[in-house]
């Protein structure tokens, strides 16, 4: 299931701070994807949100961001062009590579689709590319302001209305588009390709999908979006595109290799650089987040360290009882353990023994509430509660542990 999107920022091609959202699954991250939005759109378009949601359910993290001068990003849109968009995409890939892992999947909508096709070879780790309503010729975007082209060429710029909002388009933007031969770049792209396009797309005609598909080498796939419009405004259309991309991508996204050298014998925890406390937890092939609540300055993007400690006790309890029940043939349908943690004064702790009272001050109190479902008599239930105390993590927490710390210099 998807977690709460995390607001992040990174520096774009022109030095502006770019606004982004990182959508992460609540479980292990199998791979990361990078999403590029359409011309003058934003990262929060319904298609972007739906695709991110569908991919996180499949264990894929998604970074979607606003290009320079758009949405929540800084910078001057009038100074940007297709080349700077590609550079922004590279900066986004660098951000993922440095903080987590380089993107394996590139997804682009409309001109963003053309952008991911053009930049794909520069992001070496990417193994798959998916486009939605992408033009086969980047110059196609000038159709959005065709009535102003003469003014742009004569005066150097013009203010145009796109999607009900004013934008300044400069001559350098138009001239820059002429430097790209997308079909030739697609033909050289050694990555799996998925082309999604609506036959009734009135903004970018279906013939564009045919040109991109014909230029690409295998493996390549085409999916018709039937009655959808260019922006996938209907949530059902956006959800369909999202589910198709998620299902298709799984075939081409092997587990990331860049993180493997950092796998040790135990658990590795490292800062992500996002927020004040967020850390990536690596336990073998598993990837999790640790964080603190917003009220203490965190992003609330993952369990806190004490949440993980409670998780260890709760999960160990459930597993220990299950092993005992199966060994004894006790018919338990399900086992649930809730763990509450708080720090209490030893003097105020009614359950505390002499060893706790002798320490004085505050101690950690874990309250464990266990629920069984099944046809169990009272004697059996009491025995299972006693077995819970034999959980190895329970014993570790009650005993005195030795923690040795040393520096690992690199």
Protein backbone atom coordinates (compact mmCIF):
# COMPACT_ATOMS: atom_id res chain seq x y z
CA UNK A 1 0.00 0.00 0.00
CA UNK A 2 1.18 3.55 -0.66
CA UNK A 3 2.52 5.74 2.10
CA UNK A 4 2.10 9.47 2.53
CA UNK A 5 3.89 11.45 -0.26
CA UNK A 6 6.97 13.22 1.06
CA UNK A 7 7.63 16.81 0.01
CA UNK A 8 11.23 17.20 -1.15
CA UNK A 9 13.29 19.74 -3.07
CA UNK A 10 16.45 19.67 -5.14
CA UNK A 11 18.36 22.07 -7.34
CA UNK A 12 17.34 22.27 -10.98
CA UNK A 13 19.36 22.92 -14.12
CA UNK A 14 19.12 26.72 -13.75
CA UNK A 15 19.94 26.68 -10.04
CA UNK A 16 16.31 27.08 -8.94
CA UNK A 17 14.84 24.99 -6.15
CA UNK A 18 12.52 22.40 -7.69
CA UNK A 19 9.51 21.15 -5.75
CA UNK A 20 8.87 17.41 -5.78
CA UNK A 21 6.90 14.66 -4.12
CA UNK A 22 8.38 11.29 -3.32
CA UNK A 23 5.76 8.55 -3.15
CA UNK A 24 7.04 5.51 -1.27
CA UNK A 25 5.46 2.12 -0.55
CA UNK A 26 4.98 1.22 3.09
CA UNK A 27 6.99 -1.96 2.56
CA UNK A 28 10.29 -2.73 0.82
CA UNK A 29 11.17 -0.55 -2.19
CA UNK A 30 11.83 -2.77 -5.19
CA UNK A 31 12.89 0.08 -7.49
CA UNK A 32 12.42 3.79 -8.11
CA UNK A 33 10.64 5.59 -10.94
CA UNK A 34 10.94 9.17 -12.22
CA UNK A 35 7.85 10.94 -13.61
CA UNK A 36 7.92 13.91 -16.04
CA UNK A 37 4.71 15.92 -16.41
CA UNK A 38 3.22 17.49 -19.54
CA UNK A 39 3.92 20.97 -21.00
CA UNK A 40 3.00 23.69 -18.44
CA UNK A 41 1.42 21.03 -16.18
CA UNK A 42 2.54 20.11 -12.66
CA UNK A 43 3.50 17.05 -10.65
CA UNK A 44 0.03 17.06 -9.04
CA UNK A 45 -1.93 16.31 -12.21
CA UNK A 46 -4.39 13.48 -11.59
CA UNK A 47 -2.52 11.16 -13.98
CA UNK A 48 0.73 11.68 -12.07
CA UNK A 49 -0.94 11.02 -8.72
CA UNK A 50 -2.73 7.90 -9.90
CA UNK A 51 0.38 6.45 -11.53
CA UNK A 52 2.44 7.10 -8.40
CA UNK A 53 -0.22 5.44 -6.26
CA UNK A 54 -0.42 2.36 -8.48
CA UNK A 55 3.35 1.95 -8.58
CA UNK A 56 3.79 2.28 -4.82
CA UNK A 57 1.28 -0.53 -4.34
CA UNK A 58 3.68 -2.65 -6.43
CA UNK A 59 6.61 -1.62 -4.24
CA UNK A 60 7.99 1.05 -6.58
CA UNK A 61 8.91 4.48 -5.23
CA UNK A 62 8.06 7.43 -7.50
CA UNK A 63 9.63 10.89 -7.69
CA UNK A 64 7.44 13.46 -9.48
CA UNK A 65 8.54 17.05 -9.66
CA UNK A 66 7.69 20.43 -11.18
CA UNK A 67 10.01 21.62 -13.95
CA UNK A 68 11.72 24.99 -13.49
CA UNK A 69 9.21 27.85 -13.30
CA UNK A 70 6.14 25.61 -12.95
CA UNK A 71 3.97 24.54 -10.02
CA UNK A 72 5.80 24.88 -6.73
CA UNK A 73 9.25 25.14 -8.32
CA UNK A 74 11.30 28.29 -8.44
CA UNK A 75 12.91 29.86 -11.47
CA UNK A 76 11.67 31.67 -14.56
CA UNK A 77 9.62 29.55 -16.97
CA UNK A 78 10.36 31.98 -19.83
CA UNK A 79 14.07 31.14 -19.58
CA UNK A 80 13.52 27.39 -19.90
CA UNK A 81 13.39 25.17 -22.97
CA UNK A 82 13.34 21.49 -23.88
CA UNK A 83 17.07 21.19 -23.22
CA UNK A 84 16.71 22.60 -19.71
CA UNK A 85 13.82 20.18 -19.09
CA UNK A 86 16.15 17.31 -19.90
CA UNK A 87 18.73 18.76 -17.54
CA UNK A 88 16.08 19.06 -14.81
CA UNK A 89 15.29 15.38 -15.35
CA UNK A 90 18.96 14.50 -14.97
CA UNK A 91 19.11 16.51 -11.74
CA UNK A 92 16.05 14.61 -10.49
CA UNK A 93 17.75 11.30 -11.33
CA UNK A 94 20.89 12.49 -9.53
CA UNK A 95 18.80 13.33 -6.47
CA UNK A 96 17.31 9.83 -6.38
CA UNK A 97 20.70 8.25 -7.01
CA UNK A 98 22.34 10.17 -4.17
CA UNK A 99 19.54 9.90 -1.59
CA UNK A 100 18.13 6.46 -2.42
CA UNK A 101 18.82 4.65 -5.68
CA UNK A 102 18.90 5.68 -9.34
CA UNK A 103 15.56 5.36 -11.17
CA UNK A 104 15.00 2.14 -13.07
CA UNK A 105 11.74 3.36 -14.67
CA UNK A 106 11.16 6.64 -16.53
CA UNK A 107 7.59 7.80 -17.15
CA UNK A 108 6.56 10.85 -19.16
CA UNK A 109 3.24 12.46 -20.06
CA UNK A 110 2.89 14.42 -23.33
CA UNK A 111 6.01 16.60 -23.76
CA UNK A 112 7.29 14.93 -20.59
CA UNK A 113 7.06 11.67 -22.53
CA UNK A 114 9.23 13.11 -25.28
CA UNK A 115 11.62 14.32 -22.57
CA UNK A 116 12.09 10.90 -20.96
CA UNK A 117 12.68 9.37 -24.40
CA UNK A 118 15.31 12.01 -25.15
CA UNK A 119 17.07 11.69 -21.79
CA UNK A 120 16.80 7.91 -21.34
CA UNK A 121 20.30 7.08 -22.57
CA UNK A 122 21.80 9.59 -20.12
CA UNK A 123 20.27 7.77 -17.15
CA UNK A 124 22.21 4.54 -17.51
CA UNK A 125 20.50 2.70 -14.67
CA UNK A 126 17.03 3.04 -16.25
CA UNK A 127 15.83 -0.20 -17.82
CA UNK A 128 12.30 0.78 -18.89
CA UNK A 129 10.50 3.83 -20.30
CA UNK A 130 6.74 4.48 -20.46
CA UNK A 131 5.12 7.36 -22.33
CA UNK A 132 1.56 8.69 -22.26
CA UNK A 133 0.28 10.77 -25.17
CA UNK A 134 3.82 11.71 -26.21
CA UNK A 135 4.59 13.58 -29.46
CA UNK A 136 7.02 12.00 -31.93
CA UNK A 137 8.33 15.48 -32.79
CA UNK A 138 9.07 17.84 -29.90
CA UNK A 139 8.28 20.79 -32.19
CA UNK A 140 4.66 19.60 -31.93
CA UNK A 141 4.34 21.56 -28.67
CA UNK A 142 4.25 24.82 -30.68
CA UNK A 143 0.70 23.88 -31.75
CA UNK A 144 -0.33 25.13 -28.31
CA UNK A 145 0.62 28.68 -29.28
CA UNK A 146 0.65 28.53 -33.09
CA UNK A 147 -1.17 31.88 -33.39
CA UNK A 148 1.71 33.60 -31.61
CA UNK A 149 4.64 32.09 -33.51
CA UNK A 150 5.08 35.08 -35.83
CA UNK A 151 5.06 37.46 -32.87
CA UNK A 152 7.59 35.31 -31.03
CA UNK A 153 9.94 35.27 -34.03
CA UNK A 154 9.57 39.02 -34.67
CA UNK A 155 9.61 40.36 -31.11
CA UNK A 156 11.60 37.60 -29.45
CA UNK A 157 8.81 36.61 -27.09
CA UNK A 158 5.04 36.65 -26.56
CA UNK A 159 2.64 36.11 -23.70
CA UNK A 160 0.30 33.23 -24.45
CA UNK A 161 -2.59 31.67 -22.56
CA UNK A 162 -2.20 27.95 -21.90
CA UNK A 163 -4.76 26.09 -19.82
CA UNK A 164 -6.23 29.38 -18.67
CA UNK A 165 -2.86 30.67 -17.38
CA UNK A 166 -0.48 33.24 -18.94
CA UNK A 167 3.01 32.13 -19.94
CA UNK A 168 5.84 33.97 -21.69
CA UNK A 169 7.28 31.96 -24.59
CA UNK A 170 10.59 33.18 -26.00
CA UNK A 171 12.21 32.59 -29.37
CA UNK A 172 14.99 30.58 -27.76
CA UNK A 173 12.38 28.02 -26.60
CA UNK A 174 11.11 27.54 -30.16
CA UNK A 175 14.61 27.45 -31.68
CA UNK A 176 15.76 24.87 -29.14
CA UNK A 177 13.05 22.43 -30.22
CA UNK A 178 14.61 22.15 -33.66
CA UNK A 179 17.70 20.49 -32.26
CA UNK A 180 16.02 17.18 -31.47
CA UNK A 181 15.33 14.21 -33.73
CA UNK A 182 13.27 12.05 -31.38
CA UNK A 183 12.68 9.00 -33.65
CA UNK A 184 16.44 8.65 -34.17
CA UNK A 185 17.06 8.81 -30.43
CA UNK A 186 14.29 6.28 -29.78
CA UNK A 187 15.84 3.90 -32.32
CA UNK A 188 19.12 3.98 -30.36
CA UNK A 189 17.47 3.57 -26.97
CA UNK A 190 18.32 0.17 -25.51
CA UNK A 191 15.50 0.03 -22.98
CA UNK A 192 12.07 -1.58 -22.80
CA UNK A 193 9.36 0.80 -24.05
CA UNK A 194 5.64 1.08 -23.31
CA UNK A 195 3.63 3.54 -25.44
CA UNK A 196 0.19 4.53 -24.14
CA UNK A 197 -1.98 6.77 -26.32
CA UNK A 198 -5.65 7.62 -26.76
CA UNK A 199 -6.94 7.18 -30.34
CA UNK A 200 -9.18 10.25 -29.88
CA UNK A 201 -6.44 12.46 -28.44
CA UNK A 202 -7.14 15.92 -29.88
CA UNK A 203 -3.92 17.46 -28.57
CA UNK A 204 -1.33 14.93 -29.73
CA UNK A 205 -2.67 12.73 -32.50
CA UNK A 206 -2.50 8.96 -32.39
CA UNK A 207 -0.11 8.97 -35.37
CA UNK A 208 2.60 10.14 -32.97
CA UNK A 209 2.35 6.90 -31.04
CA UNK A 210 2.79 4.97 -34.28
CA UNK A 211 5.97 6.85 -35.17
CA UNK A 212 7.49 6.33 -31.71
CA UNK A 213 6.52 2.66 -31.68
CA UNK A 214 7.87 2.03 -35.20
CA UNK A 215 11.18 3.73 -34.36
CA UNK A 216 11.74 1.70 -31.20
CA UNK A 217 13.45 -1.66 -31.01
CA UNK A 218 12.01 -4.59 -29.05
CA UNK A 219 10.98 -5.11 -26.33
CA UNK A 220 8.19 -2.61 -26.96
CA UNK A 221 4.47 -2.54 -26.24
CA UNK A 222 1.51 -0.35 -27.20
CA UNK A 223 -1.68 0.14 -25.19
CA UNK A 224 -4.71 2.08 -26.41
CA UNK A 225 -6.35 4.40 -23.87
CA UNK A 226 -9.63 4.22 -25.79
CA UNK A 227 -11.94 7.14 -24.90
CA UNK A 228 -9.46 9.03 -22.72
CA UNK A 229 -8.60 12.67 -23.36
CA UNK A 230 -5.04 13.96 -23.55
CA UNK A 231 -4.79 14.91 -19.87
CA UNK A 232 -6.58 11.78 -18.59
CA UNK A 233 -9.02 14.00 -16.70
CA UNK A 234 -11.36 11.09 -15.98
CA UNK A 235 -10.00 9.35 -12.86
CA UNK A 236 -10.96 5.97 -14.34
CA UNK A 237 -8.77 6.63 -17.41
CA UNK A 238 -5.88 7.74 -15.21
CA UNK A 239 -6.29 4.68 -13.00
CA UNK A 240 -6.32 2.37 -16.04
CA UNK A 241 -3.10 3.89 -17.40
CA UNK A 242 -1.55 3.63 -13.96
CA UNK A 243 -2.46 -0.03 -13.51
CA UNK A 244 -1.15 -0.92 -16.98
CA UNK A 245 2.20 0.78 -16.34
CA UNK A 246 2.50 -0.88 -12.93
CA UNK A 247 1.78 -4.35 -14.33
CA UNK A 248 4.09 -3.88 -17.34
CA UNK A 249 6.97 -2.40 -15.37
CA UNK A 250 7.34 -5.41 -13.06
CA UNK A 251 8.78 -7.48 -15.92
CA UNK A 252 11.56 -4.98 -16.56
CA UNK A 253 12.49 -3.87 -13.06
CA UNK A 254 14.90 -6.31 -11.42
CA UNK A 255 15.92 -5.46 -7.91
CA UNK A 256 18.26 -2.50 -7.82
CA UNK A 257 21.95 -3.35 -7.90
CA UNK A 258 23.23 -0.01 -6.71
CA UNK A 259 22.18 -0.70 -3.12
CA UNK A 260 23.64 -4.19 -2.89
CA UNK A 261 27.23 -3.18 -2.06
CA UNK A 262 25.86 -1.38 1.02
CA UNK A 263 24.28 -4.54 2.45
CA UNK A 264 26.04 -5.75 5.59
CA UNK A 265 25.53 -8.68 7.89
CA UNK A 266 23.18 -6.73 10.14
CA UNK A 267 20.80 -3.82 9.69
CA UNK A 268 22.15 -0.67 8.04
CA UNK A 269 20.57 2.71 8.72
CA UNK A 270 21.65 5.84 6.84
CA UNK A 271 20.32 9.35 6.48
CA UNK A 272 18.43 10.12 3.28
CA UNK A 273 19.04 13.88 3.43
CA UNK A 274 15.27 14.47 3.44
CA UNK A 275 13.95 16.34 6.43
CA UNK A 276 15.74 16.46 9.74
CA UNK A 277 15.55 12.82 10.84
CA UNK A 278 14.49 10.57 7.95
CA UNK A 279 16.68 7.49 7.50
CA UNK A 280 16.68 4.54 5.14
CA UNK A 281 16.68 1.20 6.93
CA UNK A 282 18.25 -1.67 4.99
CA UNK A 283 17.78 -5.17 6.33
CA UNK A 284 19.07 -7.56 3.71
CA UNK A 285 17.06 -6.89 0.56
CA UNK A 286 14.37 -5.01 2.47
CA UNK A 287 14.07 -1.21 2.41
CA UNK A 288 12.14 0.73 5.06
CA UNK A 289 12.02 4.30 6.35
CA UNK A 290 12.54 5.53 9.88
CA UNK A 291 11.52 9.03 10.93
CA UNK A 292 10.03 11.12 13.71
CA UNK A 293 6.56 12.72 13.93
CA UNK A 294 6.03 16.20 12.49
CA UNK A 295 5.46 17.62 15.98
CA UNK A 296 9.13 17.04 16.83
CA UNK A 297 10.49 18.21 13.46
CA UNK A 298 10.30 15.02 11.39
CA UNK A 299 8.41 14.26 8.18
CA UNK A 300 6.36 11.43 9.73
CA UNK A 301 7.34 9.34 6.70
CA UNK A 302 8.07 6.18 8.68
CA UNK A 303 7.98 4.61 12.14
CA UNK A 304 10.08 6.17 14.88
CA UNK A 305 12.96 4.23 16.49
CA UNK A 306 10.74 3.34 19.46
CA UNK A 307 8.00 2.28 17.03
CA UNK A 308 10.49 -0.15 15.52
CA UNK A 309 11.40 -1.38 19.00
CA UNK A 310 7.72 -1.99 19.72
CA UNK A 311 7.40 -3.65 16.31
CA UNK A 312 10.21 -6.03 17.18
CA UNK A 313 8.49 -7.02 20.42
CA UNK A 314 5.05 -7.35 18.82
CA UNK A 315 6.16 -9.35 15.79
CA UNK A 316 8.37 -11.63 17.90
CA UNK A 317 5.44 -12.24 20.24
CA UNK A 318 3.09 -13.22 17.42
CA UNK A 319 5.68 -15.50 15.82
CA UNK A 320 6.58 -17.20 19.11
CA UNK A 321 2.95 -17.93 19.95
CA UNK A 322 2.28 -19.19 16.41
CA UNK A 323 5.23 -21.59 16.57
CA UNK A 324 4.07 -22.94 19.93
CA UNK A 325 0.44 -23.27 18.82
CA UNK A 326 1.38 -25.12 15.64
CA UNK A 327 3.70 -27.44 17.57
CA UNK A 328 0.98 -28.26 20.11
CA UNK A 329 -1.83 -28.41 17.55
CA UNK A 330 -3.75 -25.54 19.16
CA UNK A 331 -6.40 -24.25 16.73
CA UNK A 332 -5.71 -20.49 16.70
CA UNK A 333 -7.24 -18.70 13.72
CA UNK A 334 -5.26 -15.50 14.20
CA UNK A 335 -2.98 -13.74 16.67
CA UNK A 336 -2.77 -9.99 17.19
CA UNK A 337 -0.37 -8.11 19.46
CA UNK A 338 -0.63 -4.42 20.24
CA UNK A 339 2.39 -2.83 21.91
CA UNK A 340 2.25 0.50 23.76
CA UNK A 341 5.43 2.23 24.88
CA UNK A 342 5.96 5.02 27.36
CA UNK A 343 8.56 6.26 29.80
CA UNK A 344 7.40 6.20 33.41
CA UNK A 345 8.95 6.99 36.78
CA UNK A 346 10.07 3.80 38.50
CA UNK A 347 8.49 5.03 41.75
CA UNK A 348 5.09 5.29 40.01
CA UNK A 349 5.25 1.89 38.30
CA UNK A 350 3.01 -0.61 40.08
CA UNK A 351 4.30 -3.57 38.02
CA UNK A 352 7.98 -2.75 38.46
CA UNK A 353 10.20 -5.08 40.44
CA UNK A 354 13.13 -4.29 42.70
CA UNK A 355 15.57 -4.23 39.79
CA UNK A 356 13.59 -1.40 38.20
CA UNK A 357 13.11 0.55 41.42
CA UNK A 358 16.83 0.35 42.12
CA UNK A 359 17.59 2.22 38.90
CA UNK A 360 15.47 5.21 39.90
CA UNK A 361 14.33 7.89 37.47
CA UNK A 362 12.35 6.95 34.38
CA UNK A 363 12.19 3.51 32.83
CA UNK A 364 10.74 2.17 29.57
CA UNK A 365 7.37 0.48 30.01
CA UNK A 366 6.05 -1.73 27.21
CA UNK A 367 2.44 -2.83 27.50
CA UNK A 368 1.57 -5.80 25.31
CA UNK A 369 -2.09 -6.56 24.53
CA UNK A 370 -2.62 -9.91 22.83
CA UNK A 371 -5.79 -11.02 21.07
CA UNK A 372 -6.56 -14.57 19.91
CA UNK A 373 -9.35 -15.74 17.64
CA UNK A 374 -10.30 -19.39 17.71
CA UNK A 375 -12.05 -21.96 19.87
CA UNK A 376 -9.80 -21.74 22.94
CA UNK A 377 -10.54 -22.49 26.59
CA UNK A 378 -9.34 -20.26 29.42
CA UNK A 379 -6.49 -22.56 30.42
CA UNK A 380 -5.11 -22.58 26.88
CA UNK A 381 -5.38 -18.80 26.61
CA UNK A 382 -3.47 -18.40 29.86
CA UNK A 383 -0.75 -20.77 28.66
CA UNK A 384 -0.38 -18.78 25.42
CA UNK A 385 0.03 -15.57 27.40
CA UNK A 386 2.82 -17.26 29.36
CA UNK A 387 4.47 -18.36 26.11
CA UNK A 388 4.50 -14.71 24.98
CA UNK A 389 7.02 -14.01 27.76
CA UNK A 390 9.39 -16.51 26.17
CA UNK A 391 9.67 -14.41 23.01
CA UNK A 392 13.43 -13.79 22.41
CA UNK A 393 12.96 -10.04 21.98
CA UNK A 394 11.00 -9.95 25.24
CA UNK A 395 13.91 -11.62 27.00
CA UNK A 396 16.40 -9.27 25.37
CA UNK A 397 14.48 -6.20 26.52
CA UNK A 398 14.19 -7.52 30.07
CA UNK A 399 17.82 -8.58 30.29
CA UNK A 400 20.92 -6.40 30.29
CA UNK A 401 22.33 -6.06 26.81
CA UNK A 402 25.84 -5.05 25.80
CA UNK A 403 26.16 -2.45 23.03
CA UNK A 404 29.64 -1.93 21.60
CA UNK A 405 30.21 1.07 19.33
CA UNK A 406 33.14 1.55 16.96
CA UNK A 407 33.84 3.86 14.02
CA UNK A 408 33.93 2.51 10.45
CA UNK A 409 36.29 4.86 8.63
CA UNK A 410 36.14 5.02 4.83
